[in-house]
């Protein structure tokens, strides 16, 4: 019997830092983890380009993005929902 290979897509929570492109947002995801040798807590930021079909996300929004198939040269994530809006 063949086993089904189910891949769970990665999800990330981050802040929108740019919405200037059409149907694309740039999301900055910050991870905090201890350095492998020195154990000092190190903060790393990674920027992802995500597809925003309805152009609804704005700079400063906290959003949830999910990994997907490649949509363009650099876009491999989709906007799932806007979690928080700045005041």
Protein backbone atom coordinates (compact mmCIF):
# COMPACT_ATOMS: atom_id res chain seq x y z
CA UNK A 1 0.00 0.00 0.00
CA UNK A 2 1.42 3.40 -1.00
CA UNK A 3 1.92 5.97 1.72
CA UNK A 4 0.64 9.46 1.05
CA UNK A 5 3.26 12.14 1.42
CA UNK A 6 1.58 15.16 3.01
CA UNK A 7 3.70 18.29 3.35
CA UNK A 8 2.65 20.88 5.92
CA UNK A 9 3.21 24.35 4.52
CA UNK A 10 5.24 26.73 6.66
CA UNK A 11 3.47 29.70 8.18
CA UNK A 12 5.13 32.87 9.42
CA UNK A 13 3.89 35.90 11.35
CA UNK A 14 5.50 39.23 10.45
CA UNK A 15 5.13 42.95 9.86
CA UNK A 16 4.48 44.51 6.45
CA UNK A 17 7.37 46.86 5.62
CA UNK A 18 6.40 47.68 2.02
CA UNK A 19 3.19 47.63 -0.03
CA UNK A 20 4.36 49.68 -3.02
CA UNK A 21 4.16 46.83 -5.56
CA UNK A 22 0.93 45.68 -7.17
CA UNK A 23 -0.47 42.56 -5.41
CA UNK A 24 2.82 42.09 -3.52
CA UNK A 25 3.84 42.95 0.03
CA UNK A 26 7.21 42.66 1.75
CA UNK A 27 6.91 41.03 5.17
CA UNK A 28 9.69 41.18 7.75
CA UNK A 29 9.79 38.17 10.08
CA UNK A 30 11.88 38.40 13.26
CA UNK A 31 13.19 35.26 14.95
CA UNK A 32 14.83 35.27 18.37
CA UNK A 33 17.04 32.34 19.36
CA UNK A 34 20.22 31.72 21.36
CA UNK A 35 23.59 31.66 19.61
CA UNK A 36 24.76 28.02 19.24
CA UNK A 37 28.06 28.52 21.05
CA UNK A 38 27.75 31.66 23.17
CA UNK A 39 24.06 31.33 24.17
CA UNK A 40 23.49 35.09 23.81
CA UNK A 41 20.00 35.71 22.46
CA UNK A 42 20.34 36.84 18.84
CA UNK A 43 17.58 38.56 16.83
CA UNK A 44 17.44 37.76 13.11
CA UNK A 45 15.14 39.40 10.56
CA UNK A 46 14.20 37.90 7.20
CA UNK A 47 12.20 39.62 4.48
CA UNK A 48 9.70 37.64 2.40
CA UNK A 49 7.74 38.81 -0.64
CA UNK A 50 4.15 37.63 -0.35
CA UNK A 51 1.19 37.66 -2.74
CA UNK A 52 -1.67 39.96 -1.66
CA UNK A 53 -4.45 39.35 -4.20
CA UNK A 54 -6.72 42.21 -3.09
CA UNK A 55 -4.02 44.76 -2.12
CA UNK A 56 -5.52 44.96 1.38
CA UNK A 57 -2.39 44.89 3.59
CA UNK A 58 -0.75 48.20 4.58
CA UNK A 59 2.65 49.11 6.02
CA UNK A 60 2.70 48.33 9.76
CA UNK A 61 0.10 45.54 9.65
CA UNK A 62 0.92 42.30 11.44
CA UNK A 63 0.09 39.49 8.99
CA UNK A 64 0.12 35.72 8.65
CA UNK A 65 1.74 34.35 5.48
CA UNK A 66 1.92 30.77 4.20
CA UNK A 67 4.44 29.11 1.89
CA UNK A 68 3.16 28.21 -1.60
CA UNK A 69 4.40 27.33 -5.07
CA UNK A 70 6.65 29.92 -6.77
CA UNK A 71 4.49 32.77 -8.07
CA UNK A 72 7.36 34.81 -9.55
CA UNK A 73 11.14 35.05 -9.32
CA UNK A 74 11.09 35.97 -5.60
CA UNK A 75 7.48 35.39 -4.44
CA UNK A 76 6.92 32.07 -2.66
CA UNK A 77 4.44 33.12 0.05
CA UNK A 78 0.75 34.11 0.18
CA UNK A 79 -1.05 36.44 2.55
CA UNK A 80 -3.47 34.40 4.68
CA UNK A 81 -4.88 37.04 7.02
CA UNK A 82 -4.23 40.40 8.61
CA UNK A 83 -3.88 39.84 12.35
CA UNK A 84 -3.45 43.43 13.63
CA UNK A 85 -3.66 46.93 12.21
CA UNK A 86 -1.76 49.88 13.73
CA UNK A 87 -3.83 52.58 15.38
